[in-house]
Amino acid sequence: MVDRVGGLRRKTRYKLGKKVSLKGKISIRNYMQSFNEGDRVVLSAEPAIQSGMYHPRFYGKHGIVQRQLGTCYEVKIKDFTKEKLVIVHPVHLIRSKI
């Protein structure tokens, strides 16, 4: 049987790429944003920063902030029928409008 070649970011170029007009320095406001327990957030990866990034299969998922772990946040998301906890840096989170 043939093994798959590649790692965690395999076949994710459309998710983890940026538009040319948005390339460059990231916003310090997004990097330093803070959330409270119970806030609803959307997981949206910032490809310029790899630390604190979640697995690409969770891209675009909605979740609820459970608690803060150092500079990162523990977010509870629903993956099909299971509840999962994902540890995410705040630069990869967007406050949900819902």
Protein backbone atom coordinates (compact mmCIF):
# COMPACT_ATOMS: atom_id res chain seq x y z
CA MET A 1 0.00 0.00 0.00
CA VAL A 2 1.26 3.50 -0.79
CA ASP A 3 1.78 5.99 2.03
CA ARG A 4 0.59 9.55 1.69
CA VAL A 5 3.35 12.09 1.28
CA GLY A 6 2.97 15.32 3.18
CA GLY A 7 2.11 16.57 6.60
CA LEU A 8 -0.52 18.51 8.50
CA ARG A 9 -0.86 21.29 5.91
CA ARG A 10 -1.15 18.95 2.92
CA LYS A 11 -3.83 20.03 0.37
CA THR A 12 -4.72 23.20 2.28
CA ARG A 13 -3.32 25.90 0.01
CA TYR A 14 -6.76 27.35 -0.69
CA LYS A 15 -7.52 27.59 3.04
CA LEU A 16 -4.15 28.80 4.28
CA GLY A 17 -3.30 31.21 1.48
CA LYS A 18 -3.74 34.99 1.54
CA LYS A 19 -4.80 37.42 -1.13
CA VAL A 20 -1.95 39.47 -2.57
CA SER A 21 -3.46 42.71 -1.26
CA LEU A 22 -3.51 41.35 2.31
CA LYS A 23 0.07 40.05 2.42
CA GLY A 24 2.59 41.74 4.69
CA LYS A 25 2.44 42.70 8.32
CA ILE A 26 -0.47 41.46 10.39
CA SER A 27 -2.71 43.72 12.42
CA ILE A 28 -1.49 44.08 16.01
CA ARG A 29 -5.13 44.56 17.06
CA ASN A 30 -5.99 41.05 15.84
CA TYR A 31 -2.86 39.60 17.46
CA MET A 32 -3.59 41.11 20.88
CA GLN A 33 -7.39 40.75 20.95
CA SER A 34 -8.98 39.25 24.05
CA PHE A 35 -12.09 37.14 24.62
CA ASN A 36 -14.20 36.31 27.64
CA GLU A 37 -15.64 32.97 28.69
CA GLY A 38 -18.75 32.17 26.70
CA ASP A 39 -17.89 34.38 23.70
CA ARG A 40 -18.84 32.90 20.33
CA VAL A 41 -15.97 32.83 17.84
CA VAL A 42 -15.19 31.59 14.33
CA LEU A 43 -11.95 29.76 13.60
CA SER A 44 -10.19 31.53 10.73
CA ALA A 45 -6.50 30.76 10.25
CA GLU A 46 -3.94 33.54 9.84
CA PRO A 47 -1.32 31.86 7.61
CA ALA A 48 1.44 34.33 8.49
CA ILE A 49 1.57 32.93 12.06
CA GLN A 50 1.86 29.17 12.48
CA SER A 51 2.03 29.02 16.28
CA GLY A 52 -1.27 28.29 17.96
CA MET A 53 -2.89 27.20 14.69
CA TYR A 54 -5.49 24.45 14.82
CA HIS A 55 -5.88 21.53 12.42
CA PRO A 56 -7.11 22.74 8.99
CA ARG A 57 -10.19 20.51 9.11
CA PHE A 58 -11.69 22.90 11.68
CA TYR A 59 -11.39 25.97 9.40
CA GLY A 60 -14.57 28.08 9.48
CA LYS A 61 -16.12 26.27 12.46
CA HIS A 62 -18.05 28.18 15.11
CA GLY A 63 -17.21 27.62 18.75
CA ILE A 64 -17.49 28.92 22.29
CA VAL A 65 -14.51 30.13 24.34
CA GLN A 66 -14.17 27.93 27.43
CA ARG A 67 -11.15 29.48 29.16
CA GLN A 68 -7.80 31.14 28.63
CA LEU A 69 -4.58 29.11 28.65
CA GLY A 70 -1.64 31.52 28.78
CA THR A 71 -1.91 33.62 25.62
CA CYS A 72 -4.15 31.08 23.86
CA TYR A 73 -7.81 30.15 24.30
CA GLU A 74 -9.56 26.83 24.69
CA VAL A 75 -12.48 26.74 22.24
CA LYS A 76 -15.23 24.11 22.26
CA ILE A 77 -16.42 23.20 18.76
CA LYS A 78 -18.81 20.61 17.41
CA ASP A 79 -17.25 18.18 14.93
CA PHE A 80 -20.20 16.23 13.50
CA THR A 81 -21.65 14.69 16.69
CA LYS A 82 -18.63 15.10 19.00
CA GLU A 83 -17.71 18.10 21.14
CA LYS A 84 -14.00 18.88 20.83
CA LEU A 85 -11.67 21.30 22.61
CA VAL A 86 -9.18 23.14 20.43
CA ILE A 87 -6.39 25.36 21.78
CA VAL A 88 -6.08 28.40 19.51
CA HIS A 89 -4.06 31.62 19.49
CA PRO A 90 -6.30 34.72 19.34
CA VAL A 91 -4.91 35.77 15.95
CA HIS A 92 -6.76 32.78 14.46
CA LEU A 93 -10.12 33.75 15.99
CA ILE A 94 -12.83 36.14 14.81
CA ARG A 95 -15.66 37.31 17.05
CA SER A 96 -18.95 35.83 15.81
CA LYS A 97 -21.77 38.16 14.80
CA ILE A 98 -24.44 35.65 15.92
